[in-house]
Amino acid sequence: MAYATVAQISAYGEFDSPDTDLGTITTLIPMVQKFIDSYCRRTFEADTDTTHVLYGDSILDDLLILDDDLAAITSVTIGATAFTAYRTEPKNKTPYWGLRLHESASLGWDGDLDSDDEIAVRIVGKWAYSATVPADINLACMRLTYIVYKQRVGAGDDARPMLTPSGNMVMPTKLPADIVALLEPYRRLP
């Protein structure tokens, strides 16, 4: 799914020829979304389940440290055994960054796991910051798509992203302050 729809961006900005510009907007949205993901070092929305496989190097005592943001868990298996004796970290807020064993767990990740697939921990779920895009990211996507759209014909200044004739987005050395203000709270440290 896109962080912003063509309809949202069309309503947000002033376009020379809305019907003709829909194709350009449609092309720009995934470019802007990829930039946002890269800038923030995370994906913000997942609409389908994917599987991540974790091994012993992800374990710290009773904690399994996830390799990415996790918005929703569908299943956890250790080897071929379904596993539910865990709680998420944080407990009541996404994205999850870890799974902690319940004290009553009869099976667990104790640091003895290795790269043998039979004892790997498989987590199926929505691997993203959220199941739906946060409002700030939606606005940043709309705003940045509009800026890039306008920049393609030279409108704006050097502090704006530019679209080359070949369709590549070239970002300036400095993002507009309003975009930074929207994205920075979501930016993951390297």
Protein backbone atom coordinates (compact mmCIF):
# COMPACT_ATOMS: atom_id res chain seq x y z
CA MET A 1 0.00 0.00 0.00
CA ALA A 2 1.06 3.57 -0.53
CA TYR A 3 1.73 6.05 2.25
CA ALA A 4 -0.55 8.49 0.42
CA THR A 5 -3.09 8.05 -2.35
CA VAL A 6 -3.32 9.89 -5.64
CA ALA A 7 -6.67 11.31 -4.48
CA GLN A 8 -5.11 12.67 -1.26
CA ILE A 9 -2.22 14.27 -3.11
CA SER A 10 -4.55 15.70 -5.78
CA ALA A 11 -6.67 17.26 -3.04
CA TYR A 12 -3.55 18.55 -1.23
CA GLY A 13 -1.86 20.37 -4.09
CA GLU A 14 -2.60 22.63 -7.02
CA PHE A 15 -2.03 20.84 -10.29
CA ASP A 16 -1.83 22.26 -13.79
CA SER A 17 -4.00 19.56 -15.32
CA PRO A 18 -5.29 17.13 -12.67
CA ASP A 19 -6.41 14.46 -15.14
CA THR A 20 -3.12 14.51 -17.05
CA ASP A 21 -1.02 14.74 -13.88
CA LEU A 22 -2.45 11.58 -12.29
CA GLY A 23 0.10 9.39 -14.08
CA THR A 24 2.98 11.54 -12.87
CA ILE A 25 1.66 11.56 -9.30
CA THR A 26 1.17 7.78 -9.43
CA THR A 27 4.80 7.39 -10.55
CA LEU A 28 6.15 9.72 -7.86
CA ILE A 29 4.41 8.14 -4.85
CA PRO A 30 6.57 4.96 -4.68
CA MET A 31 9.73 7.04 -5.19
CA VAL A 32 8.81 9.33 -2.32
CA GLN A 33 7.78 6.37 -0.16
CA LYS A 34 11.15 4.70 -0.80
CA PHE A 35 12.91 7.93 0.15
CA ILE A 36 10.90 8.19 3.40
CA ASP A 37 11.74 4.57 4.28
CA SER A 38 15.42 5.18 3.56
CA TYR A 39 15.55 8.45 5.49
CA CYS A 40 13.78 6.98 8.53
CA ARG A 41 15.47 3.55 8.23
CA ARG A 42 12.15 1.71 8.54
CA THR A 43 9.01 0.69 6.68
CA PHE A 44 5.81 2.28 7.93
CA GLU A 45 3.03 0.08 6.66
CA ALA A 46 2.44 -3.58 5.88
CA ASP A 47 -0.75 -5.03 4.51
CA THR A 48 0.46 -8.63 4.14
CA ASP A 49 2.23 -11.09 6.39
CA THR A 50 5.87 -11.98 5.85
CA THR A 51 8.18 -14.35 7.71
CA HIS A 52 11.43 -13.50 9.49
CA VAL A 53 13.71 -16.26 10.75
CA LEU A 54 15.82 -15.50 13.82
CA TYR A 55 18.67 -17.49 15.37
CA GLY A 56 20.69 -17.61 18.57
CA ASP A 57 22.49 -14.32 18.01
CA SER A 58 19.13 -12.54 18.50
CA ILE A 59 18.75 -13.82 22.08
CA LEU A 60 19.55 -11.98 25.29
CA ASP A 61 18.53 -14.13 28.28
CA ASP A 62 14.72 -14.47 28.02
CA LEU A 63 14.44 -11.80 25.31
CA LEU A 64 14.34 -12.40 21.56
CA ILE A 65 15.42 -9.16 19.87
CA LEU A 66 13.62 -8.66 16.57
CA ASP A 67 15.54 -7.70 13.45
CA ASP A 68 12.97 -5.10 12.34
CA ASP A 69 9.80 -3.30 13.45
CA LEU A 70 6.85 -5.65 13.92
CA ALA A 71 3.31 -4.24 13.86
CA ALA A 72 1.31 -7.47 14.27
CA ILE A 73 2.12 -11.11 15.01
CA THR A 74 0.30 -13.92 13.23
CA SER A 75 2.38 -16.82 14.53
CA VAL A 76 5.63 -17.76 16.24
CA THR A 77 7.20 -21.19 15.84
CA ILE A 78 10.35 -22.69 17.25
CA GLY A 79 11.40 -25.46 14.92
CA ALA A 80 8.06 -27.03 14.00
CA THR A 81 6.37 -26.18 17.33
CA ALA A 82 3.83 -23.36 17.56
CA PHE A 83 4.79 -21.05 20.41
CA THR A 84 2.61 -18.63 22.39
CA ALA A 85 4.39 -18.32 25.75
CA TYR A 86 5.77 -14.85 25.14
CA ARG A 87 4.83 -11.22 25.54
CA THR A 88 5.75 -8.36 23.28
CA GLU A 89 8.18 -5.56 24.01
CA PRO A 90 6.82 -3.01 24.45
CA LYS A 91 3.75 -4.60 25.99
CA ASN A 92 0.91 -2.48 24.60
CA LYS A 93 2.34 -0.41 21.78
CA THR A 94 3.67 -1.06 18.32
CA PRO A 95 6.10 -1.37 16.77
CA TYR A 96 7.34 -4.38 18.73
CA TRP A 97 11.10 -4.68 19.00
CA GLY A 98 11.29 -7.88 21.05
CA LEU A 99 9.54 -10.95 22.44
CA ARG A 100 10.05 -11.94 26.09
CA LEU A 101 9.41 -15.47 27.36
CA HIS A 102 6.69 -15.99 29.93
CA GLU A 103 8.03 -17.51 33.13
CA SER A 104 5.78 -20.54 32.54
CA ALA A 105 7.22 -21.26 29.07
CA SER A 106 8.16 -24.92 28.61
CA LEU A 107 10.09 -24.17 25.43
CA GLY A 108 12.26 -21.15 24.89
CA TRP A 109 15.13 -19.38 23.32
CA ASP A 110 18.00 -19.99 25.73
CA GLY A 111 20.97 -18.99 23.61
CA ASP A 112 21.57 -22.54 22.37
CA LEU A 113 19.87 -21.90 19.04
CA ASP A 114 22.13 -21.91 16.02
CA SER A 115 21.71 -21.60 12.28
CA ASP A 116 20.01 -25.01 11.99
CA ASP A 117 16.59 -24.26 10.45
CA GLU A 118 14.92 -26.92 12.60
CA ILE A 119 15.43 -24.86 15.75
CA ALA A 120 15.18 -21.39 14.29
CA VAL A 121 12.49 -19.03 15.55
CA ARG A 122 10.08 -18.14 12.73
CA ILE A 123 7.84 -15.13 13.18
CA VAL A 124 5.01 -14.50 10.73
CA GLY A 125 3.43 -11.09 10.90
CA LYS A 126 3.21 -7.58 9.57
CA TRP A 127 6.81 -6.41 9.61
CA ALA A 128 6.49 -2.63 9.66
CA TYR A 129 6.11 0.29 12.03
CA SER A 130 2.33 0.02 11.87
CA ALA A 131 -0.47 -1.88 10.15
CA THR A 132 -1.56 1.48 8.68
CA VAL A 133 0.61 4.47 7.86
CA PRO A 134 0.89 7.06 10.66
CA ALA A 135 -0.76 10.43 9.92
CA ASP A 136 2.58 12.30 10.02
CA ILE A 137 4.07 9.96 7.42
CA ASN A 138 0.96 10.30 5.27
CA LEU A 139 1.31 14.09 5.35
CA ALA A 140 5.06 13.93 4.67
CA CYS A 141 4.40 11.71 1.66
CA MET A 142 1.72 14.06 0.30
CA ARG A 143 3.86 17.14 0.86
CA LEU A 144 7.07 15.66 -0.54
CA THR A 145 5.28 14.18 -3.56
CA TYR A 146 3.80 17.60 -4.29
CA ILE A 147 7.21 19.29 -3.91
CA VAL A 148 8.86 16.78 -6.26
CA TYR A 149 5.99 17.17 -8.73
CA LYS A 150 6.45 20.95 -8.81
CA GLN A 151 10.25 20.64 -8.98
CA ARG A 152 10.11 18.59 -12.18
CA VAL A 153 9.41 21.82 -14.10
CA GLY A 154 11.86 23.97 -12.14
CA ALA A 155 9.45 25.49 -9.65
CA GLY A 156 10.96 26.03 -6.23
CA ASP A 157 14.55 26.41 -5.14
CA ASP A 158 17.65 24.30 -4.56
CA ALA A 159 16.37 23.19 -1.14
CA ARG A 160 13.71 21.09 -2.89
CA PRO A 161 13.93 17.57 -4.33
CA MET A 162 14.32 17.38 -8.11
CA LEU A 163 13.09 14.83 -10.62
CA THR A 164 15.52 14.17 -13.45
CA PRO A 165 14.25 13.62 -17.01
CA SER A 166 15.06 9.90 -16.60
CA GLY A 167 12.68 9.68 -13.61
CA ASN A 168 15.23 9.54 -10.77
CA MET A 169 14.61 11.61 -7.67
CA VAL A 170 17.56 13.74 -6.55
CA MET A 171 17.25 14.96 -3.00
CA PRO A 172 18.90 18.22 -1.94
CA THR A 173 21.47 18.29 0.80
CA LYS A 174 18.82 19.71 3.08
CA LEU A 175 15.17 18.68 3.26
CA PRO A 176 12.50 21.31 3.81
CA ALA A 177 12.13 21.97 7.55
CA ASP A 178 8.47 20.93 7.66
CA ILE A 179 9.30 17.52 6.13
CA VAL A 180 12.16 17.02 8.61
CA ALA A 181 9.82 17.92 11.49
CA LEU A 182 7.34 15.27 10.33
CA LEU A 183 9.92 12.52 9.72
CA GLU A 184 12.48 13.03 12.46
CA PRO A 185 10.43 11.57 15.37
CA TYR A 186 10.16 8.32 13.39
CA ARG A 187 13.80 8.10 12.35
CA ARG A 188 15.57 5.01 13.63
CA LEU A 189 19.13 5.43 14.87
CA PRO A 190 21.75 3.61 12.79
